[in-house]
N, C-alpha and C. Protein backbone atom coordinates (compact mmCIF):
# COMPACT_ATOMS: atom_id res chain seq x y z
N MET A 1 -31.84 -8.06 -48.58
CA MET A 1 -31.05 -8.96 -49.38
C MET A 1 -30.70 -8.29 -50.70
N SER A 2 -29.44 -8.36 -51.07
CA SER A 2 -29.02 -7.73 -52.32
C SER A 2 -29.40 -8.62 -53.50
N VAL A 3 -29.57 -7.99 -54.64
CA VAL A 3 -29.99 -8.70 -55.83
C VAL A 3 -29.26 -8.13 -57.04
N LEU A 4 -28.89 -8.99 -57.95
CA LEU A 4 -28.25 -8.63 -59.21
C LEU A 4 -29.26 -8.87 -60.32
N ILE A 5 -29.38 -7.95 -61.25
CA ILE A 5 -30.30 -8.10 -62.39
C ILE A 5 -29.47 -8.32 -63.65
N ARG A 6 -29.84 -9.34 -64.40
CA ARG A 6 -29.18 -9.65 -65.67
C ARG A 6 -30.20 -10.23 -66.63
N HIS A 7 -29.82 -10.35 -67.90
CA HIS A 7 -30.70 -10.98 -68.88
C HIS A 7 -30.71 -12.50 -68.69
N MET A 8 -31.80 -13.11 -69.11
CA MET A 8 -31.92 -14.56 -69.07
C MET A 8 -30.81 -15.19 -69.91
N ARG A 9 -30.31 -16.30 -69.42
CA ARG A 9 -29.30 -17.07 -70.15
C ARG A 9 -29.96 -18.28 -70.80
N ALA A 10 -29.39 -18.72 -71.91
CA ALA A 10 -29.89 -19.92 -72.58
C ALA A 10 -29.89 -21.08 -71.59
N GLY A 11 -30.96 -21.83 -71.60
CA GLY A 11 -31.07 -22.98 -70.73
C GLY A 11 -31.71 -22.70 -69.37
N GLU A 12 -32.06 -21.45 -69.10
CA GLU A 12 -32.67 -21.11 -67.81
C GLU A 12 -34.19 -21.20 -67.80
N GLU A 13 -34.78 -21.52 -68.92
CA GLU A 13 -36.24 -21.50 -69.03
C GLU A 13 -36.92 -22.38 -67.99
N ALA A 14 -36.42 -23.58 -67.78
CA ALA A 14 -37.05 -24.50 -66.81
C ALA A 14 -36.94 -23.95 -65.38
N ALA A 15 -35.81 -23.35 -65.04
CA ALA A 15 -35.64 -22.76 -63.70
C ALA A 15 -36.62 -21.60 -63.50
N LEU A 16 -36.85 -20.82 -64.55
CA LEU A 16 -37.80 -19.72 -64.44
C LEU A 16 -39.23 -20.24 -64.32
N HIS A 17 -39.50 -21.34 -64.97
CA HIS A 17 -40.82 -21.96 -64.83
C HIS A 17 -41.04 -22.40 -63.38
N ARG A 18 -40.02 -22.94 -62.74
CA ARG A 18 -40.15 -23.34 -61.33
C ARG A 18 -40.44 -22.13 -60.45
N ILE A 19 -39.80 -21.00 -60.73
CA ILE A 19 -40.08 -19.77 -59.98
C ILE A 19 -41.54 -19.36 -60.19
N PHE A 20 -42.01 -19.41 -61.44
CA PHE A 20 -43.39 -19.09 -61.76
C PHE A 20 -44.35 -19.95 -60.94
N VAL A 21 -44.14 -21.26 -60.95
CA VAL A 21 -45.03 -22.18 -60.24
C VAL A 21 -44.99 -21.90 -58.74
N GLU A 22 -43.82 -21.73 -58.19
CA GLU A 22 -43.68 -21.45 -56.76
C GLU A 22 -44.38 -20.13 -56.39
N ALA A 23 -44.20 -19.11 -57.22
CA ALA A 23 -44.82 -17.80 -56.94
C ALA A 23 -46.34 -17.89 -56.98
N VAL A 24 -46.88 -18.62 -57.94
CA VAL A 24 -48.33 -18.75 -58.06
C VAL A 24 -48.87 -19.65 -56.96
N ARG A 25 -48.27 -20.83 -56.81
CA ARG A 25 -48.81 -21.82 -55.86
C ARG A 25 -48.70 -21.38 -54.41
N ASP A 26 -47.55 -20.75 -54.06
CA ASP A 26 -47.33 -20.36 -52.66
C ASP A 26 -47.51 -18.85 -52.44
N GLY A 27 -46.97 -18.06 -53.34
CA GLY A 27 -46.98 -16.61 -53.13
C GLY A 27 -48.33 -15.95 -53.33
N ALA A 28 -49.21 -16.58 -54.10
CA ALA A 28 -50.52 -15.97 -54.38
C ALA A 28 -51.64 -16.55 -53.51
N LYS A 29 -51.28 -17.29 -52.48
CA LYS A 29 -52.28 -17.94 -51.63
C LYS A 29 -53.31 -16.99 -51.05
N GLY A 30 -52.93 -15.79 -50.72
CA GLY A 30 -53.85 -14.85 -50.12
C GLY A 30 -54.81 -14.20 -51.10
N HIS A 31 -54.63 -14.46 -52.40
CA HIS A 31 -55.43 -13.78 -53.41
C HIS A 31 -56.22 -14.72 -54.32
N TYR A 32 -55.79 -15.97 -54.41
CA TYR A 32 -56.44 -16.95 -55.27
C TYR A 32 -56.58 -18.26 -54.50
N ASP A 33 -57.71 -18.96 -54.71
CA ASP A 33 -57.90 -20.23 -54.01
C ASP A 33 -57.06 -21.33 -54.67
N SER A 34 -57.04 -22.51 -54.07
CA SER A 34 -56.16 -23.59 -54.56
C SER A 34 -56.53 -24.03 -55.98
N ARG A 35 -57.82 -24.06 -56.33
CA ARG A 35 -58.21 -24.44 -57.69
C ARG A 35 -57.70 -23.41 -58.70
N GLN A 36 -57.80 -22.15 -58.36
CA GLN A 36 -57.33 -21.09 -59.26
C GLN A 36 -55.82 -21.17 -59.44
N ARG A 37 -55.09 -21.37 -58.35
CA ARG A 37 -53.63 -21.44 -58.44
C ARG A 37 -53.17 -22.65 -59.25
N LYS A 38 -53.85 -23.78 -59.10
CA LYS A 38 -53.50 -24.97 -59.90
C LYS A 38 -53.83 -24.77 -61.38
N ALA A 39 -54.94 -24.08 -61.68
CA ALA A 39 -55.29 -23.82 -63.07
C ALA A 39 -54.30 -22.85 -63.72
N TRP A 40 -53.83 -21.90 -62.94
CA TRP A 40 -52.88 -20.90 -63.42
C TRP A 40 -51.50 -21.52 -63.61
N ALA A 41 -51.09 -22.35 -62.69
CA ALA A 41 -49.77 -23.00 -62.73
C ALA A 41 -49.96 -24.50 -62.57
N PRO A 42 -50.31 -25.21 -63.66
CA PRO A 42 -50.58 -26.64 -63.58
C PRO A 42 -49.34 -27.46 -63.19
N ASP A 43 -49.60 -28.66 -62.69
CA ASP A 43 -48.51 -29.59 -62.36
C ASP A 43 -47.76 -29.97 -63.62
N GLY A 44 -46.53 -30.41 -63.44
CA GLY A 44 -45.75 -30.93 -64.55
C GLY A 44 -44.70 -29.96 -65.04
N PRO A 45 -43.96 -30.41 -66.04
CA PRO A 45 -42.90 -29.57 -66.62
C PRO A 45 -43.51 -28.42 -67.41
N PRO A 46 -42.69 -27.46 -67.77
CA PRO A 46 -43.22 -26.35 -68.58
C PRO A 46 -43.73 -26.86 -69.92
N PRO A 47 -44.80 -26.28 -70.42
CA PRO A 47 -45.27 -26.67 -71.75
C PRO A 47 -44.23 -26.25 -72.80
N PRO A 48 -44.22 -26.91 -73.96
CA PRO A 48 -43.26 -26.55 -75.00
C PRO A 48 -43.30 -25.07 -75.38
N SER A 49 -44.48 -24.46 -75.31
CA SER A 49 -44.61 -23.05 -75.67
C SER A 49 -43.87 -22.13 -74.70
N TRP A 50 -43.59 -22.59 -73.49
CA TRP A 50 -42.91 -21.77 -72.47
C TRP A 50 -41.55 -21.31 -72.96
N HIS A 51 -40.76 -22.24 -73.49
CA HIS A 51 -39.41 -21.90 -73.95
C HIS A 51 -39.46 -20.88 -75.09
N GLU A 52 -40.32 -21.11 -76.05
CA GLU A 52 -40.44 -20.20 -77.18
C GLU A 52 -40.93 -18.83 -76.71
N ARG A 53 -41.89 -18.83 -75.82
CA ARG A 53 -42.44 -17.57 -75.30
C ARG A 53 -41.34 -16.71 -74.69
N LEU A 54 -40.51 -17.31 -73.87
CA LEU A 54 -39.43 -16.55 -73.24
C LEU A 54 -38.38 -16.10 -74.25
N ARG A 55 -38.07 -16.95 -75.20
CA ARG A 55 -37.04 -16.60 -76.18
C ARG A 55 -37.46 -15.45 -77.10
N GLU A 56 -38.76 -15.21 -77.22
CA GLU A 56 -39.26 -14.13 -78.08
C GLU A 56 -39.39 -12.81 -77.34
N GLN A 57 -39.03 -12.79 -76.07
CA GLN A 57 -39.20 -11.59 -75.26
C GLN A 57 -37.87 -11.15 -74.65
N GLU A 58 -37.88 -9.94 -74.12
CA GLU A 58 -36.78 -9.48 -73.28
C GLU A 58 -37.06 -10.04 -71.89
N VAL A 59 -36.11 -10.74 -71.32
CA VAL A 59 -36.31 -11.36 -70.01
C VAL A 59 -35.15 -10.99 -69.10
N TRP A 60 -35.50 -10.41 -67.95
CA TRP A 60 -34.52 -10.08 -66.93
C TRP A 60 -34.69 -11.05 -65.78
N VAL A 61 -33.56 -11.42 -65.19
CA VAL A 61 -33.54 -12.37 -64.08
C VAL A 61 -32.94 -11.69 -62.86
N ALA A 62 -33.59 -11.84 -61.73
CA ALA A 62 -33.04 -11.37 -60.46
C ALA A 62 -32.28 -12.52 -59.83
N VAL A 63 -31.03 -12.27 -59.48
CA VAL A 63 -30.19 -13.29 -58.86
C VAL A 63 -29.87 -12.86 -57.43
N GLY A 64 -30.15 -13.75 -56.52
CA GLY A 64 -29.84 -13.52 -55.11
C GLY A 64 -29.18 -14.75 -54.54
N ARG A 65 -28.14 -14.53 -53.77
CA ARG A 65 -27.39 -15.66 -53.19
C ARG A 65 -26.94 -16.65 -54.26
N GLY A 66 -26.60 -16.11 -55.44
CA GLY A 66 -26.03 -16.93 -56.50
C GLY A 66 -27.00 -17.70 -57.37
N GLN A 67 -28.31 -17.53 -57.16
CA GLN A 67 -29.26 -18.26 -58.01
C GLN A 67 -30.47 -17.39 -58.35
N PRO A 68 -31.16 -17.71 -59.46
CA PRO A 68 -32.33 -16.94 -59.85
C PRO A 68 -33.42 -16.98 -58.77
N VAL A 69 -33.95 -15.79 -58.45
CA VAL A 69 -35.01 -15.69 -57.45
C VAL A 69 -36.26 -15.02 -58.02
N GLY A 70 -36.16 -14.53 -59.26
CA GLY A 70 -37.30 -13.89 -59.90
C GLY A 70 -36.98 -13.55 -61.33
N PHE A 71 -38.02 -13.18 -62.07
CA PHE A 71 -37.82 -12.78 -63.46
C PHE A 71 -38.99 -11.92 -63.92
N LEU A 72 -38.74 -11.18 -64.99
CA LEU A 72 -39.75 -10.32 -65.60
C LEU A 72 -39.51 -10.35 -67.10
N SER A 73 -40.61 -10.44 -67.87
CA SER A 73 -40.46 -10.47 -69.33
C SER A 73 -41.40 -9.46 -69.98
N VAL A 74 -40.98 -8.95 -71.12
CA VAL A 74 -41.78 -7.99 -71.89
C VAL A 74 -41.58 -8.27 -73.37
N THR A 75 -42.66 -8.12 -74.13
CA THR A 75 -42.58 -8.32 -75.58
C THR A 75 -41.90 -7.11 -76.23
N PRO A 76 -41.41 -7.27 -77.45
CA PRO A 76 -40.80 -6.12 -78.14
C PRO A 76 -41.76 -4.94 -78.29
N GLU A 77 -43.06 -5.21 -78.31
CA GLU A 77 -44.06 -4.15 -78.45
C GLU A 77 -44.39 -3.45 -77.14
N GLY A 78 -43.89 -3.99 -76.03
CA GLY A 78 -44.11 -3.35 -74.74
C GLY A 78 -45.20 -3.95 -73.89
N HIS A 79 -45.51 -5.23 -74.08
CA HIS A 79 -46.49 -5.90 -73.21
C HIS A 79 -45.73 -6.65 -72.12
N LEU A 80 -45.89 -6.20 -70.89
CA LEU A 80 -45.27 -6.85 -69.74
C LEU A 80 -46.02 -8.17 -69.54
N ASP A 81 -45.35 -9.28 -69.82
CA ASP A 81 -46.01 -10.58 -69.89
C ASP A 81 -45.91 -11.35 -68.59
N LEU A 82 -44.72 -11.54 -68.08
CA LEU A 82 -44.50 -12.37 -66.90
C LEU A 82 -43.68 -11.60 -65.88
N ALA A 83 -44.07 -11.69 -64.60
CA ALA A 83 -43.34 -11.01 -63.53
C ALA A 83 -43.56 -11.81 -62.24
N PHE A 84 -42.54 -12.57 -61.84
CA PHE A 84 -42.68 -13.47 -60.70
C PHE A 84 -41.40 -13.53 -59.89
N VAL A 85 -41.55 -13.60 -58.59
CA VAL A 85 -40.41 -13.84 -57.69
C VAL A 85 -40.78 -14.93 -56.70
N ARG A 86 -39.77 -15.61 -56.21
CA ARG A 86 -40.00 -16.63 -55.19
C ARG A 86 -40.70 -15.98 -53.99
N PRO A 87 -41.60 -16.70 -53.34
CA PRO A 87 -42.32 -16.13 -52.20
C PRO A 87 -41.40 -15.54 -51.13
N SER A 88 -40.27 -16.17 -50.87
CA SER A 88 -39.36 -15.65 -49.84
C SER A 88 -38.72 -14.32 -50.24
N TRP A 89 -38.84 -13.94 -51.50
CA TRP A 89 -38.28 -12.68 -51.99
C TRP A 89 -39.36 -11.63 -52.25
N MET A 90 -40.62 -12.00 -52.08
CA MET A 90 -41.71 -11.04 -52.29
C MET A 90 -41.61 -9.93 -51.26
N GLY A 91 -41.85 -8.70 -51.71
CA GLY A 91 -41.78 -7.55 -50.82
C GLY A 91 -40.38 -7.01 -50.64
N GLY A 92 -39.40 -7.65 -51.26
CA GLY A 92 -38.01 -7.18 -51.18
C GLY A 92 -37.60 -6.40 -52.41
N ARG A 93 -36.32 -6.38 -52.70
CA ARG A 93 -35.78 -5.59 -53.81
C ARG A 93 -35.85 -6.27 -55.17
N ALA A 94 -36.16 -7.56 -55.23
CA ALA A 94 -36.10 -8.28 -56.51
C ALA A 94 -37.06 -7.70 -57.54
N MET A 95 -38.35 -7.61 -57.24
CA MET A 95 -39.31 -7.13 -58.24
C MET A 95 -39.09 -5.66 -58.58
N PRO A 96 -38.88 -4.77 -57.60
CA PRO A 96 -38.60 -3.38 -57.99
C PRO A 96 -37.37 -3.26 -58.90
N ALA A 97 -36.34 -4.05 -58.65
CA ALA A 97 -35.14 -3.99 -59.48
C ALA A 97 -35.42 -4.53 -60.88
N LEU A 98 -36.17 -5.61 -60.98
CA LEU A 98 -36.57 -6.13 -62.29
C LEU A 98 -37.40 -5.10 -63.05
N TYR A 99 -38.33 -4.51 -62.36
CA TYR A 99 -39.20 -3.50 -62.97
C TYR A 99 -38.38 -2.31 -63.48
N ASP A 100 -37.44 -1.84 -62.68
CA ASP A 100 -36.61 -0.72 -63.09
C ASP A 100 -35.79 -1.04 -64.33
N ALA A 101 -35.27 -2.27 -64.43
CA ALA A 101 -34.51 -2.68 -65.61
C ALA A 101 -35.40 -2.68 -66.85
N MET A 102 -36.63 -3.19 -66.70
CA MET A 102 -37.57 -3.22 -67.81
C MET A 102 -37.95 -1.80 -68.24
N LEU A 103 -38.20 -0.93 -67.27
CA LEU A 103 -38.59 0.44 -67.58
C LEU A 103 -37.46 1.18 -68.31
N HIS A 104 -36.24 0.98 -67.87
CA HIS A 104 -35.08 1.57 -68.54
C HIS A 104 -35.01 1.09 -70.00
N TRP A 105 -35.18 -0.20 -70.20
CA TRP A 105 -35.17 -0.77 -71.55
C TRP A 105 -36.28 -0.15 -72.41
N ALA A 106 -37.49 -0.05 -71.85
CA ALA A 106 -38.64 0.49 -72.60
C ALA A 106 -38.37 1.92 -73.05
N ARG A 107 -37.77 2.70 -72.17
CA ARG A 107 -37.43 4.09 -72.54
C ARG A 107 -36.38 4.12 -73.63
N GLU A 108 -35.37 3.26 -73.51
CA GLU A 108 -34.32 3.20 -74.53
C GLU A 108 -34.89 2.79 -75.89
N GLN A 109 -35.92 1.94 -75.89
CA GLN A 109 -36.56 1.49 -77.13
C GLN A 109 -37.46 2.57 -77.72
N GLY A 110 -37.74 3.61 -76.95
CA GLY A 110 -38.62 4.67 -77.41
C GLY A 110 -40.09 4.30 -77.38
N LEU A 111 -40.43 3.32 -76.54
CA LEU A 111 -41.83 2.92 -76.44
C LEU A 111 -42.64 4.03 -75.78
N ALA A 112 -43.81 4.29 -76.32
CA ALA A 112 -44.68 5.34 -75.77
C ALA A 112 -45.59 4.80 -74.67
N ARG A 113 -45.79 3.48 -74.67
CA ARG A 113 -46.75 2.91 -73.74
C ARG A 113 -46.41 1.46 -73.44
N LEU A 114 -46.68 1.05 -72.21
CA LEU A 114 -46.56 -0.35 -71.79
C LEU A 114 -47.94 -0.86 -71.43
N THR A 115 -48.17 -2.14 -71.65
CA THR A 115 -49.43 -2.77 -71.29
C THR A 115 -49.15 -4.05 -70.50
N THR A 116 -50.16 -4.52 -69.79
CA THR A 116 -50.06 -5.81 -69.11
C THR A 116 -51.45 -6.28 -68.74
N ASP A 117 -51.55 -7.53 -68.34
CA ASP A 117 -52.75 -8.11 -67.74
C ASP A 117 -52.32 -8.55 -66.35
N ALA A 118 -52.58 -7.72 -65.37
CA ALA A 118 -52.04 -7.90 -64.03
C ALA A 118 -52.91 -8.81 -63.16
N SER A 119 -52.23 -9.62 -62.37
CA SER A 119 -52.92 -10.39 -61.34
C SER A 119 -53.32 -9.43 -60.21
N HIS A 120 -54.12 -9.94 -59.31
CA HIS A 120 -54.53 -9.12 -58.16
C HIS A 120 -53.30 -8.60 -57.41
N LEU A 121 -52.35 -9.46 -57.18
CA LEU A 121 -51.15 -9.11 -56.43
C LEU A 121 -50.28 -8.10 -57.17
N PHE A 122 -50.06 -8.31 -58.45
CA PHE A 122 -49.19 -7.43 -59.23
C PHE A 122 -49.85 -6.08 -59.50
N ARG A 123 -51.16 -6.07 -59.53
CA ARG A 123 -51.91 -4.83 -59.78
C ARG A 123 -51.54 -3.74 -58.76
N ALA A 124 -51.47 -4.11 -57.49
CA ALA A 124 -51.13 -3.12 -56.45
C ALA A 124 -49.71 -2.57 -56.67
N PHE A 125 -48.78 -3.44 -57.02
CA PHE A 125 -47.40 -3.03 -57.30
C PHE A 125 -47.39 -2.00 -58.43
N LEU A 126 -48.12 -2.27 -59.51
CA LEU A 126 -48.13 -1.39 -60.68
C LEU A 126 -48.86 -0.08 -60.41
N ARG A 127 -49.95 -0.13 -59.68
CA ARG A 127 -50.69 1.10 -59.36
C ARG A 127 -49.80 2.09 -58.64
N ARG A 128 -48.96 1.61 -57.75
CA ARG A 128 -48.04 2.49 -57.02
C ARG A 128 -47.02 3.14 -57.95
N ARG A 129 -46.89 2.61 -59.15
CA ARG A 129 -45.93 3.13 -60.13
C ARG A 129 -46.61 3.85 -61.29
N GLY A 130 -47.87 4.21 -61.12
CA GLY A 130 -48.56 5.03 -62.11
C GLY A 130 -49.35 4.31 -63.17
N TRP A 131 -49.41 3.00 -63.14
CA TRP A 131 -50.20 2.25 -64.12
C TRP A 131 -51.68 2.47 -63.84
N THR A 132 -52.48 2.47 -64.91
CA THR A 132 -53.92 2.64 -64.77
C THR A 132 -54.65 1.46 -65.41
N GLY A 133 -55.90 1.32 -65.00
CA GLY A 133 -56.75 0.26 -65.53
C GLY A 133 -57.48 -0.40 -64.38
N GLU A 134 -58.71 -0.04 -64.20
CA GLU A 134 -59.47 -0.52 -63.04
C GLU A 134 -60.57 -1.50 -63.40
N THR A 135 -60.78 -1.80 -64.67
CA THR A 135 -61.85 -2.70 -65.05
C THR A 135 -61.30 -4.12 -65.18
N PRO A 136 -61.70 -5.00 -64.25
CA PRO A 136 -61.18 -6.37 -64.31
C PRO A 136 -61.85 -7.17 -65.42
N GLU A 137 -61.20 -8.23 -65.81
CA GLU A 137 -61.80 -9.18 -66.73
C GLU A 137 -61.56 -10.58 -66.18
N ASP A 138 -62.51 -11.46 -66.45
CA ASP A 138 -62.40 -12.85 -66.02
C ASP A 138 -61.99 -13.70 -67.20
N ILE A 139 -61.04 -14.59 -66.98
CA ILE A 139 -60.60 -15.51 -68.03
C ILE A 139 -60.81 -16.93 -67.53
N ASP A 140 -60.98 -17.85 -68.46
CA ASP A 140 -61.22 -19.25 -68.13
C ASP A 140 -59.95 -20.05 -68.36
N ARG A 141 -59.55 -20.77 -67.35
CA ARG A 141 -58.40 -21.68 -67.43
C ARG A 141 -58.90 -23.08 -67.08
N GLY A 142 -59.29 -23.83 -68.08
CA GLY A 142 -59.76 -25.19 -67.86
C GLY A 142 -60.98 -25.28 -66.96
N GLY A 143 -61.92 -24.36 -67.14
CA GLY A 143 -63.13 -24.37 -66.35
C GLY A 143 -63.03 -23.63 -65.03
N VAL A 144 -61.89 -23.03 -64.77
CA VAL A 144 -61.68 -22.25 -63.54
C VAL A 144 -61.53 -20.78 -63.94
N VAL A 145 -62.25 -19.91 -63.26
CA VAL A 145 -62.23 -18.49 -63.59
C VAL A 145 -61.14 -17.78 -62.79
N LEU A 146 -60.32 -17.02 -63.50
CA LEU A 146 -59.28 -16.19 -62.89
C LEU A 146 -59.57 -14.74 -63.26
N ARG A 147 -59.36 -13.85 -62.34
CA ARG A 147 -59.57 -12.43 -62.59
C ARG A 147 -58.21 -11.76 -62.83
N ARG A 148 -58.18 -10.87 -63.81
CA ARG A 148 -56.99 -10.07 -64.10
C ARG A 148 -57.42 -8.67 -64.47
N TRP A 149 -56.44 -7.76 -64.47
CA TRP A 149 -56.72 -6.35 -64.76
C TRP A 149 -55.84 -5.89 -65.92
N PRO A 150 -56.43 -5.60 -67.09
CA PRO A 150 -55.65 -4.97 -68.16
C PRO A 150 -55.21 -3.58 -67.67
N MET A 151 -53.92 -3.29 -67.78
CA MET A 151 -53.38 -2.02 -67.29
C MET A 151 -52.43 -1.44 -68.32
N THR A 152 -52.25 -0.13 -68.24
CA THR A 152 -51.33 0.57 -69.14
C THR A 152 -50.51 1.59 -68.37
N LEU A 153 -49.36 1.89 -68.93
CA LEU A 153 -48.51 2.96 -68.44
C LEU A 153 -48.07 3.77 -69.65
N ASP A 154 -48.48 5.04 -69.70
CA ASP A 154 -48.04 5.91 -70.78
C ASP A 154 -46.68 6.48 -70.40
N LEU A 155 -45.67 6.06 -71.11
CA LEU A 155 -44.30 6.48 -70.78
C LEU A 155 -44.07 7.95 -71.08
N LYS A 156 -44.76 8.48 -72.04
CA LYS A 156 -44.56 9.89 -72.37
C LYS A 156 -45.05 10.78 -71.22
N ASP A 157 -45.99 10.27 -70.40
CA ASP A 157 -46.54 11.03 -69.26
C ASP A 157 -45.96 10.59 -67.93
N GLU A 158 -45.19 9.50 -67.94
CA GLU A 158 -44.72 8.91 -66.70
C GLU A 158 -43.65 9.79 -66.04
N LYS A 159 -43.75 9.93 -64.73
CA LYS A 159 -42.84 10.82 -64.00
C LYS A 159 -41.87 10.07 -63.09
N THR A 160 -42.03 8.77 -62.91
CA THR A 160 -41.18 8.02 -61.99
C THR A 160 -39.92 7.54 -62.65
């Protein structure tokens, strides 16, 4: 399936939140149990901080068949914050294309390093692209423990 990558448009925040919830609730089933997925992506509309969070970052949107199917965001300092695609698009071109757009931007900005806190699923994607960081950390989301992996990519050493 072909995909177009563009920057987030004003007013798309709620649609991106729906992609986030769908990706966590359905796409992460093989890696997190139902309590963990609900704690990570709670029921209801996006919290007020969601809109502000996205507006303060560079956000790329993958569009397939005329509608958003995924997105990726990074802070101005180079922290890859959010990276989600609809489950039906997982394993396809959407995330690699989003990642490539972000990497191009990071190089243009002259960033020496990128960081992230990767989920189990995203960790494998990043490892294949040269990211390092093997020590997991557990975080608490409303009494539910989620595991993530702090990872880095040194752009000055990156060959991909």
